[in-house]
Amino acid sequence: MWGQEKKEETSSSEQEGKEVSMVAANSTIAEGAEDINAFVGKGVEFKGTITYSGTVRIDGYLDGEIHTDGVVLIGEEAVIQAKITAGTVVCKGKVTGDVVAKDCIKLRAPAVINGSVKAPVLSMEDGVLFNGALEMAHGVHELPRDASLHPVGMIMPPNIKRVNG
């Protein structure tokens, strides 16, 4: 009334949307999070298979499988026991299971990975615990199968004389 500013009322869904946007914008895990299609929040437990396109962020507990060509964002407090097949995986949480990424896997501290990882690109920060096998799926150049070593000659030190027998 007397020159006081009027407080704007916002609905709880508008406020939650703003909070999620702020968390995504301020978080280092927010790579590719411009348009999150689904969100499994802290304290949520999910068992089963998730199949989607786009981006999903997981901060809760998931037991099952994740299949997508899109992005999987795994929050710091997430605990996942699953086989993950995705385009890109960005992880700060705990994952037990095999992870396959078509594009890349980014492990951010304090992530813990127990299982095999397969991706053409892997980045890992200091502080990440990784226990498992790694396969760089694409871009790895192997030597041809028929490659062999051939001697080109022997180099003798100057103080040793060659004796032909």
N, C-alpha and C. Protein backbone atom coordinates (compact mmCIF):
# COMPACT_ATOMS: atom_id res chain seq x y z
N MET A 1 0.82 -1.15 0.00
CA MET A 1 0.00 0.00 0.00
C MET A 1 0.88 1.23 0.00
N TRP A 2 1.30 1.91 0.87
CA TRP A 2 2.00 3.16 0.92
C TRP A 2 3.38 3.06 0.29
N GLY A 3 3.45 2.83 -0.99
CA GLY A 3 4.73 2.76 -1.69
C GLY A 3 5.44 1.41 -1.54
N GLN A 4 4.81 0.49 -0.84
CA GLN A 4 5.43 -0.83 -0.69
C GLN A 4 5.22 -1.61 -1.97
N GLU A 5 6.23 -2.38 -2.33
CA GLU A 5 6.12 -3.19 -3.53
C GLU A 5 5.18 -4.36 -3.28
N LYS A 6 4.40 -4.64 -4.27
CA LYS A 6 3.46 -5.75 -4.18
C LYS A 6 4.19 -7.04 -4.52
N LYS A 7 4.06 -8.06 -3.68
CA LYS A 7 4.68 -9.36 -3.94
C LYS A 7 3.90 -10.08 -5.02
N GLU A 8 4.64 -10.61 -5.99
CA GLU A 8 4.00 -11.38 -7.03
C GLU A 8 3.80 -12.81 -6.56
N GLU A 9 2.62 -13.32 -6.77
CA GLU A 9 2.35 -14.70 -6.43
C GLU A 9 2.58 -15.57 -7.65
N THR A 10 3.28 -16.65 -7.44
CA THR A 10 3.51 -17.59 -8.54
C THR A 10 3.01 -18.94 -8.12
N SER A 11 2.53 -19.68 -9.09
CA SER A 11 2.04 -21.03 -8.79
C SER A 11 3.23 -21.92 -8.45
N SER A 12 2.96 -23.00 -7.73
CA SER A 12 4.04 -23.91 -7.34
C SER A 12 4.68 -24.57 -8.56
N SER A 13 3.92 -24.84 -9.62
CA SER A 13 4.50 -25.46 -10.81
C SER A 13 5.43 -24.49 -11.52
N GLU A 14 5.08 -23.19 -11.56
CA GLU A 14 5.97 -22.19 -12.15
C GLU A 14 7.26 -22.10 -11.36
N GLN A 15 7.13 -22.09 -10.02
CA GLN A 15 8.30 -21.98 -9.16
C GLN A 15 9.20 -23.21 -9.29
N GLU A 16 8.61 -24.41 -9.35
CA GLU A 16 9.41 -25.63 -9.52
C GLU A 16 10.14 -25.61 -10.86
N GLY A 17 9.46 -25.15 -11.90
CA GLY A 17 10.10 -25.04 -13.21
C GLY A 17 11.29 -24.10 -13.18
N LYS A 18 11.13 -22.97 -12.47
CA LYS A 18 12.23 -22.01 -12.35
C LYS A 18 13.39 -22.62 -11.57
N GLU A 19 13.07 -23.36 -10.47
CA GLU A 19 14.13 -23.98 -9.67
C GLU A 19 14.89 -25.01 -10.48
N VAL A 20 14.19 -25.84 -11.25
CA VAL A 20 14.85 -26.84 -12.08
C VAL A 20 15.74 -26.15 -13.11
N SER A 21 15.22 -25.06 -13.71
CA SER A 21 16.02 -24.32 -14.69
C SER A 21 17.25 -23.73 -14.05
N MET A 22 17.08 -23.18 -12.83
CA MET A 22 18.23 -22.58 -12.15
C MET A 22 19.25 -23.64 -11.79
N VAL A 23 18.80 -24.78 -11.30
CA VAL A 23 19.72 -25.86 -10.96
C VAL A 23 20.47 -26.31 -12.21
N ALA A 24 19.74 -26.48 -13.31
CA ALA A 24 20.38 -26.91 -14.55
C ALA A 24 21.36 -25.86 -15.05
N ALA A 25 21.01 -24.60 -14.94
CA ALA A 25 21.88 -23.55 -15.45
C ALA A 25 23.13 -23.39 -14.58
N ASN A 26 23.00 -23.61 -13.27
CA ASN A 26 24.12 -23.39 -12.37
C ASN A 26 24.98 -24.63 -12.15
N SER A 27 24.57 -25.75 -12.65
CA SER A 27 25.26 -27.00 -12.39
C SER A 27 26.25 -27.33 -13.50
N THR A 28 27.41 -27.87 -13.12
CA THR A 28 28.38 -28.27 -14.13
C THR A 28 27.92 -29.50 -14.88
N ILE A 29 26.92 -30.19 -14.36
CA ILE A 29 26.43 -31.39 -15.03
C ILE A 29 25.40 -31.02 -16.10
N ALA A 30 25.09 -29.75 -16.24
CA ALA A 30 24.02 -29.30 -17.11
C ALA A 30 24.37 -29.31 -18.59
N GLU A 31 25.48 -29.92 -18.97
CA GLU A 31 25.83 -29.99 -20.38
C GLU A 31 24.74 -30.72 -21.14
N GLY A 32 24.16 -30.09 -22.11
CA GLY A 32 23.10 -30.72 -22.89
C GLY A 32 21.76 -30.70 -22.20
N ALA A 33 21.63 -29.92 -21.13
CA ALA A 33 20.41 -29.93 -20.33
C ALA A 33 19.42 -28.84 -20.74
N GLU A 34 19.59 -28.26 -21.91
CA GLU A 34 18.72 -27.17 -22.32
C GLU A 34 17.26 -27.59 -22.34
N ASP A 35 16.99 -28.80 -22.76
CA ASP A 35 15.62 -29.26 -22.86
C ASP A 35 15.48 -30.65 -22.25
N ILE A 36 15.43 -30.68 -20.92
CA ILE A 36 15.30 -31.94 -20.20
C ILE A 36 13.88 -32.47 -20.40
N ASN A 37 13.78 -33.70 -20.92
CA ASN A 37 12.48 -34.31 -21.18
C ASN A 37 11.89 -34.96 -19.94
N ALA A 38 12.76 -35.50 -19.07
CA ALA A 38 12.28 -36.18 -17.87
C ALA A 38 13.26 -35.93 -16.74
N PHE A 39 12.75 -36.04 -15.51
CA PHE A 39 13.56 -35.77 -14.33
C PHE A 39 13.17 -36.77 -13.25
N VAL A 40 14.14 -37.58 -12.81
CA VAL A 40 13.91 -38.50 -11.69
C VAL A 40 14.59 -37.86 -10.49
N GLY A 41 13.79 -37.27 -9.62
CA GLY A 41 14.32 -36.45 -8.53
C GLY A 41 14.91 -37.23 -7.38
N LYS A 42 15.60 -36.50 -6.52
CA LYS A 42 16.19 -37.07 -5.31
C LYS A 42 15.08 -37.69 -4.46
N GLY A 43 15.33 -38.90 -3.97
CA GLY A 43 14.35 -39.59 -3.16
C GLY A 43 13.38 -40.46 -3.96
N VAL A 44 13.42 -40.36 -5.28
CA VAL A 44 12.55 -41.17 -6.14
C VAL A 44 13.25 -42.47 -6.47
N GLU A 45 12.54 -43.59 -6.36
CA GLU A 45 13.07 -44.89 -6.73
C GLU A 45 12.31 -45.38 -7.96
N PHE A 46 13.07 -45.83 -8.96
CA PHE A 46 12.46 -46.30 -10.20
C PHE A 46 13.07 -47.64 -10.55
N LYS A 47 12.21 -48.63 -10.85
CA LYS A 47 12.68 -49.94 -11.29
C LYS A 47 12.03 -50.23 -12.64
N GLY A 48 12.89 -50.58 -13.62
CA GLY A 48 12.36 -50.88 -14.93
C GLY A 48 13.26 -50.36 -16.03
N THR A 49 12.68 -50.22 -17.22
CA THR A 49 13.41 -49.78 -18.39
C THR A 49 12.92 -48.41 -18.82
N ILE A 50 13.86 -47.49 -19.02
CA ILE A 50 13.52 -46.16 -19.54
C ILE A 50 14.01 -46.10 -20.98
N THR A 51 13.11 -45.79 -21.89
CA THR A 51 13.46 -45.60 -23.29
C THR A 51 12.93 -44.25 -23.69
N TYR A 52 13.77 -43.39 -24.26
CA TYR A 52 13.34 -42.05 -24.61
C TYR A 52 14.28 -41.46 -25.65
N SER A 53 13.91 -40.30 -26.16
CA SER A 53 14.82 -39.51 -26.98
C SER A 53 14.85 -38.13 -26.32
N GLY A 54 15.99 -37.48 -26.41
CA GLY A 54 16.15 -36.20 -25.73
C GLY A 54 17.05 -36.35 -24.53
N THR A 55 16.75 -35.62 -23.45
CA THR A 55 17.60 -35.57 -22.27
C THR A 55 16.80 -35.96 -21.03
N VAL A 56 17.40 -36.77 -20.18
CA VAL A 56 16.80 -37.09 -18.89
C VAL A 56 17.85 -36.88 -17.81
N ARG A 57 17.42 -36.33 -16.69
CA ARG A 57 18.31 -36.13 -15.55
C ARG A 57 17.83 -37.05 -14.43
N ILE A 58 18.78 -37.76 -13.81
CA ILE A 58 18.45 -38.69 -12.74
C ILE A 58 19.21 -38.27 -11.49
N ASP A 59 18.47 -38.00 -10.42
CA ASP A 59 19.06 -37.67 -9.13
C ASP A 59 18.63 -38.66 -8.06
N GLY A 60 17.80 -39.63 -8.42
CA GLY A 60 17.30 -40.60 -7.46
C GLY A 60 17.95 -41.97 -7.66
N TYR A 61 17.18 -43.01 -7.38
CA TYR A 61 17.65 -44.39 -7.48
C TYR A 61 16.99 -45.05 -8.68
N LEU A 62 17.78 -45.70 -9.51
CA LEU A 62 17.22 -46.39 -10.68
C LEU A 62 17.82 -47.78 -10.76
N ASP A 63 16.97 -48.78 -10.92
CA ASP A 63 17.40 -50.17 -11.07
C ASP A 63 16.75 -50.70 -12.34
N GLY A 64 17.57 -50.98 -13.37
CA GLY A 64 16.99 -51.49 -14.62
C GLY A 64 17.86 -51.18 -15.81
N GLU A 65 17.27 -50.52 -16.82
CA GLU A 65 17.98 -50.20 -18.05
C GLU A 65 17.58 -48.81 -18.53
N ILE A 66 18.51 -48.17 -19.23
CA ILE A 66 18.26 -46.88 -19.86
C ILE A 66 18.69 -47.01 -21.31
N HIS A 67 17.79 -46.67 -22.24
CA HIS A 67 18.09 -46.73 -23.67
C HIS A 67 17.70 -45.41 -24.32
N THR A 68 18.66 -44.76 -24.97
CA THR A 68 18.38 -43.51 -25.68
C THR A 68 19.50 -43.18 -26.65
N ASP A 69 19.19 -42.37 -27.64
CA ASP A 69 20.22 -41.79 -28.49
C ASP A 69 20.57 -40.40 -27.97
N GLY A 70 19.86 -39.96 -26.95
CA GLY A 70 20.04 -38.64 -26.39
C GLY A 70 21.05 -38.61 -25.26
N VAL A 71 20.77 -37.75 -24.26
CA VAL A 71 21.68 -37.48 -23.17
C VAL A 71 21.13 -38.02 -21.86
N VAL A 72 22.00 -38.62 -21.05
CA VAL A 72 21.67 -39.04 -19.69
C VAL A 72 22.52 -38.20 -18.75
N LEU A 73 21.87 -37.43 -17.88
CA LEU A 73 22.57 -36.64 -16.86
C LEU A 73 22.35 -37.33 -15.53
N ILE A 74 23.44 -37.75 -14.89
CA ILE A 74 23.35 -38.47 -13.62
C ILE A 74 23.88 -37.56 -12.53
N GLY A 75 22.99 -37.13 -11.65
CA GLY A 75 23.34 -36.19 -10.59
C GLY A 75 24.22 -36.80 -9.52
N GLU A 76 24.77 -35.92 -8.69
CA GLU A 76 25.73 -36.33 -7.66
C GLU A 76 25.15 -37.30 -6.64
N GLU A 77 23.87 -37.21 -6.35
CA GLU A 77 23.28 -38.09 -5.35
C GLU A 77 22.56 -39.29 -5.97
N ALA A 78 22.67 -39.47 -7.26
CA ALA A 78 22.01 -40.58 -7.95
C ALA A 78 22.74 -41.89 -7.67
N VAL A 79 21.96 -42.96 -7.55
CA VAL A 79 22.49 -44.31 -7.42
C VAL A 79 21.80 -45.14 -8.50
N ILE A 80 22.59 -45.64 -9.44
CA ILE A 80 22.02 -46.35 -10.58
C ILE A 80 22.64 -47.74 -10.68
N GLN A 81 21.77 -48.74 -10.74
CA GLN A 81 22.18 -50.11 -11.02
C GLN A 81 21.49 -50.48 -12.32
N ALA A 82 22.21 -50.27 -13.43
CA ALA A 82 21.54 -50.42 -14.72
C ALA A 82 22.54 -50.59 -15.84
N LYS A 83 22.02 -51.09 -16.94
CA LYS A 83 22.75 -51.08 -18.19
C LYS A 83 22.31 -49.82 -18.91
N ILE A 84 23.29 -48.97 -19.26
CA ILE A 84 22.97 -47.69 -19.89
C ILE A 84 23.49 -47.71 -21.32
N THR A 85 22.60 -47.41 -22.27
CA THR A 85 22.97 -47.25 -23.67
C THR A 85 22.45 -45.88 -24.08
N ALA A 86 23.37 -44.97 -24.45
CA ALA A 86 22.96 -43.60 -24.73
C ALA A 86 23.85 -42.96 -25.77
N GLY A 87 23.46 -41.77 -26.20
CA GLY A 87 24.30 -40.98 -27.07
C GLY A 87 25.44 -40.36 -26.27
N THR A 88 25.08 -39.65 -25.19
CA THR A 88 26.05 -39.01 -24.30
C THR A 88 25.65 -39.29 -22.86
N VAL A 89 26.64 -39.57 -22.00
CA VAL A 89 26.41 -39.78 -20.58
C VAL A 89 27.30 -38.80 -19.82
N VAL A 90 26.68 -38.00 -18.94
CA VAL A 90 27.41 -37.11 -18.05
C VAL A 90 27.07 -37.57 -16.64
N CYS A 91 28.10 -37.98 -15.88
CA CYS A 91 27.85 -38.63 -14.59
C CYS A 91 28.62 -37.98 -13.45
N LYS A 92 27.89 -37.70 -12.36
CA LYS A 92 28.51 -37.27 -11.11
C LYS A 92 28.12 -38.21 -9.97
N GLY A 93 27.25 -39.18 -10.25
CA GLY A 93 26.74 -40.07 -9.22
C GLY A 93 27.40 -41.43 -9.24
N LYS A 94 26.70 -42.43 -8.68
CA LYS A 94 27.21 -43.79 -8.58
C LYS A 94 26.48 -44.69 -9.57
N VAL A 95 27.26 -45.36 -10.43
CA VAL A 95 26.67 -46.26 -11.43
C VAL A 95 27.31 -47.63 -11.28
N THR A 96 26.47 -48.65 -11.16
CA THR A 96 26.92 -50.04 -11.18
C THR A 96 26.26 -50.69 -12.39
N GLY A 97 27.09 -51.07 -13.36
CA GLY A 97 26.56 -51.67 -14.58
C GLY A 97 27.35 -51.19 -15.78
N ASP A 98 27.02 -51.75 -16.93
CA ASP A 98 27.73 -51.41 -18.16
C ASP A 98 27.16 -50.14 -18.78
N VAL A 99 28.07 -49.30 -19.27
CA VAL A 99 27.68 -48.03 -19.89
C VAL A 99 28.23 -48.00 -21.31
N VAL A 100 27.35 -47.81 -22.29
CA VAL A 100 27.74 -47.71 -23.69
C VAL A 100 27.23 -46.37 -24.21
N ALA A 101 28.14 -45.57 -24.78
CA ALA A 101 27.75 -44.28 -25.33
C ALA A 101 28.19 -44.17 -26.78
N LYS A 102 27.29 -43.71 -27.63
CA LYS A 102 27.59 -43.54 -29.04
C LYS A 102 28.53 -42.36 -29.26
N ASP A 103 28.38 -41.28 -28.48
CA ASP A 103 29.17 -40.07 -28.67
C ASP A 103 30.28 -39.91 -27.63
N CYS A 104 29.91 -39.79 -26.35
CA CYS A 104 30.94 -39.61 -25.32
C CYS A 104 30.39 -39.89 -23.93
N ILE A 105 31.34 -40.09 -23.01
CA ILE A 105 31.03 -40.25 -21.59
C ILE A 105 31.89 -39.24 -20.85
N LYS A 106 31.24 -38.45 -19.98
CA LYS A 106 31.94 -37.46 -19.17
C LYS A 106 31.73 -37.81 -17.70
N LEU A 107 32.81 -38.17 -17.03
CA LEU A 107 32.75 -38.52 -15.61
C LEU A 107 33.26 -37.34 -14.81
N ARG A 108 32.40 -36.80 -13.98
CA ARG A 108 32.72 -35.63 -13.16
C ARG A 108 32.80 -36.05 -11.70
N ALA A 109 33.77 -35.52 -10.97
CA ALA A 109 33.92 -35.83 -9.55
C ALA A 109 32.64 -35.45 -8.83
N PRO A 110 32.17 -36.26 -7.93
CA PRO A 110 32.74 -37.45 -7.30
C PRO A 110 32.16 -38.77 -7.84
N ALA A 111 32.00 -38.91 -9.12
CA ALA A 111 31.39 -40.10 -9.72
C ALA A 111 32.11 -41.38 -9.32
N VAL A 112 31.33 -42.46 -9.21
CA VAL A 112 31.85 -43.80 -8.95
C VAL A 112 31.24 -44.72 -10.00
N ILE A 113 32.08 -45.36 -10.80
CA ILE A 113 31.61 -46.26 -11.85
C ILE A 113 32.16 -47.65 -11.57
N ASN A 114 31.28 -48.62 -11.45
CA ASN A 114 31.65 -50.03 -11.28
C ASN A 114 31.04 -50.80 -12.44
N GLY A 115 31.82 -51.02 -13.49
CA GLY A 115 31.32 -51.73 -14.65
C GLY A 115 32.11 -51.33 -15.88
N SER A 116 31.79 -51.97 -16.99
CA SER A 116 32.53 -51.68 -18.21
C SER A 116 31.96 -50.43 -18.88
N VAL A 117 32.86 -49.73 -19.58
CA VAL A 117 32.50 -48.50 -20.28
C VAL A 117 32.97 -48.63 -21.72
N LYS A 118 32.10 -48.28 -22.66
CA LYS A 118 32.44 -48.34 -24.08
C LYS A 118 31.98 -47.04 -24.72
N ALA A 119 32.93 -46.29 -25.28
CA ALA A 119 32.62 -45.01 -25.93
C ALA A 119 33.80 -44.57 -26.76
N PRO A 120 33.55 -43.77 -27.80
CA PRO A 120 34.67 -43.27 -28.59
C PRO A 120 35.46 -42.18 -27.87
N VAL A 121 34.80 -41.47 -26.92
CA VAL A 121 35.45 -40.39 -26.18
C VAL A 121 35.09 -40.55 -24.70
N LEU A 122 36.11 -40.48 -23.83
CA LEU A 122 35.89 -40.53 -22.39
C LEU A 122 36.68 -39.41 -21.75
N SER A 123 36.02 -38.62 -20.92
CA SER A 123 36.74 -37.62 -20.12
C SER A 123 36.45 -37.91 -18.66
N MET A 124 37.48 -37.74 -17.82
CA MET A 124 37.35 -38.10 -16.41
C MET A 124 38.09 -37.08 -15.56
N GLU A 125 37.41 -36.50 -14.60
CA GLU A 125 38.02 -35.53 -13.70
C GLU A 125 38.77 -36.24 -12.58
N ASP A 126 39.68 -35.51 -11.94
CA ASP A 126 40.32 -36.00 -10.72
C ASP A 126 39.23 -36.24 -9.68
N GLY A 127 39.36 -37.31 -8.93
CA GLY A 127 38.39 -37.62 -7.89
C GLY A 127 37.35 -38.63 -8.30
N VAL A 128 37.33 -39.04 -9.57
CA VAL A 128 36.40 -40.06 -10.04
C VAL A 128 36.98 -41.42 -9.72
N LEU A 129 36.13 -42.35 -9.27
CA LEU A 129 36.54 -43.73 -9.05
C LEU A 129 35.97 -44.58 -10.17
N PHE A 130 36.85 -45.24 -10.91
CA PHE A 130 36.42 -46.07 -12.04
C PHE A 130 36.99 -47.46 -11.86
N ASN A 131 36.11 -48.45 -11.68
CA ASN A 131 36.50 -49.84 -11.51
C ASN A 131 35.83 -50.65 -12.61
N GLY A 132 36.59 -51.01 -13.63
CA GLY A 132 36.00 -51.79 -14.71
C GLY A 132 36.85 -51.74 -15.96
N ALA A 133 36.27 -52.20 -17.04
CA ALA A 133 36.97 -52.25 -18.32
C ALA A 133 36.57 -51.05 -19.15
N LEU A 134 37.50 -50.63 -20.00
CA LEU A 134 37.24 -49.51 -20.91
C LEU A 134 37.52 -49.95 -22.33
N GLU A 135 36.59 -49.66 -23.23
CA GLU A 135 36.80 -49.92 -24.65
C GLU A 135 36.48 -48.64 -25.40
N MET A 136 37.46 -48.16 -26.13
CA MET A 136 37.27 -46.97 -26.97
C MET A 136 36.73 -47.49 -28.29
N ALA A 137 35.44 -47.34 -28.49
CA ALA A 137 34.72 -48.01 -29.57
C ALA A 137 35.09 -47.54 -30.97
N HIS A 138 35.26 -46.25 -31.18
CA HIS A 138 35.53 -45.71 -32.51
C HIS A 138 36.79 -44.86 -32.43
N GLY A 139 37.45 -44.73 -33.56
CA GLY A 139 38.60 -43.85 -33.62
C GLY A 139 39.89 -44.48 -33.11
N VAL A 140 39.85 -45.73 -32.72
CA VAL A 140 41.05 -46.41 -32.27
C VAL A 140 41.71 -47.03 -33.49
N HIS A 141 42.94 -46.67 -33.71
CA HIS A 141 43.66 -47.18 -34.88
C HIS A 141 44.50 -48.37 -34.48
N GLU A 142 44.23 -49.49 -35.08
CA GLU A 142 44.99 -50.70 -34.79
C GLU A 142 46.05 -50.90 -35.87
N LEU A 143 47.13 -51.56 -35.48
CA LEU A 143 48.14 -51.93 -36.46
C LEU A 143 47.58 -53.03 -37.35
N PRO A 144 48.00 -53.07 -38.61
CA PRO A 144 47.55 -54.17 -39.48
C PRO A 144 47.99 -55.51 -38.89
N ARG A 145 47.21 -56.53 -39.13
CA ARG A 145 47.49 -57.86 -38.56
C ARG A 145 48.82 -58.43 -39.05
N ASP A 146 49.26 -58.09 -40.27
CA ASP A 146 50.48 -58.66 -40.81
C ASP A 146 51.72 -57.82 -40.49
N ALA A 147 51.57 -56.83 -39.63
CA ALA A 147 52.71 -55.99 -39.27
C ALA A 147 53.70 -56.82 -38.45
N SER A 148 54.96 -56.73 -38.82
CA SER A 148 55.99 -57.44 -38.06
C SER A 148 57.24 -56.57 -38.02
N LEU A 149 58.12 -56.88 -37.11
CA LEU A 149 59.37 -56.14 -36.97
C LEU A 149 60.44 -56.80 -37.81
N HIS A 150 61.25 -56.00 -38.48
CA HIS A 150 62.36 -56.49 -39.30
C HIS A 150 63.64 -55.83 -38.83
N PRO A 151 64.68 -56.64 -38.60
CA PRO A 151 65.96 -56.04 -38.19
C PRO A 151 66.55 -55.23 -39.33
N VAL A 152 67.12 -54.08 -39.01
CA VAL A 152 67.71 -53.22 -40.03
C VAL A 152 69.24 -53.20 -39.95
N GLY A 153 69.79 -53.89 -39.05
CA GLY A 153 71.24 -53.92 -38.89
C GLY A 153 71.61 -53.77 -37.43
N MET A 154 72.86 -54.06 -37.16
CA MET A 154 73.32 -54.00 -35.79
C MET A 154 74.28 -52.83 -35.64
N ILE A 155 74.11 -52.07 -34.62
CA ILE A 155 75.01 -50.95 -34.37
C ILE A 155 75.95 -51.36 -33.25
N MET A 156 77.23 -51.32 -33.52
CA MET A 156 78.23 -51.72 -32.54
C MET A 156 78.86 -50.48 -31.93
N PRO A 157 79.09 -50.47 -30.63
CA PRO A 157 79.82 -49.36 -30.02
C PRO A 157 81.22 -49.27 -30.63
N PRO A 158 81.83 -48.07 -30.68
CA PRO A 158 83.12 -47.90 -31.36
C PRO A 158 84.27 -48.66 -30.70
N ASN A 159 84.20 -48.96 -29.43
CA ASN A 159 85.32 -49.65 -28.77
C ASN A 159 85.24 -51.16 -28.86
N ILE A 160 84.21 -51.72 -29.55
CA ILE A 160 84.09 -53.15 -29.73
C ILE A 160 84.30 -53.46 -31.19
N LYS A 161 85.21 -54.46 -31.44
CA LYS A 161 85.49 -54.85 -32.82
C LYS A 161 84.67 -56.07 -33.17
N ARG A 162 84.19 -56.09 -34.40
CA ARG A 162 83.41 -57.23 -34.89
C ARG A 162 84.37 -58.33 -35.29
N VAL A 163 84.07 -59.53 -34.84
CA VAL A 163 84.87 -60.68 -35.19
C VAL A 163 84.02 -61.58 -36.06
N ASN A 164 84.47 -61.86 -37.24
CA ASN A 164 83.75 -62.77 -38.14
C ASN A 164 84.30 -64.17 -37.93
N GLY A 165 83.46 -65.07 -37.67
CA GLY A 165 83.90 -66.38 -37.31
C GLY A 165 83.77 -67.36 -38.34
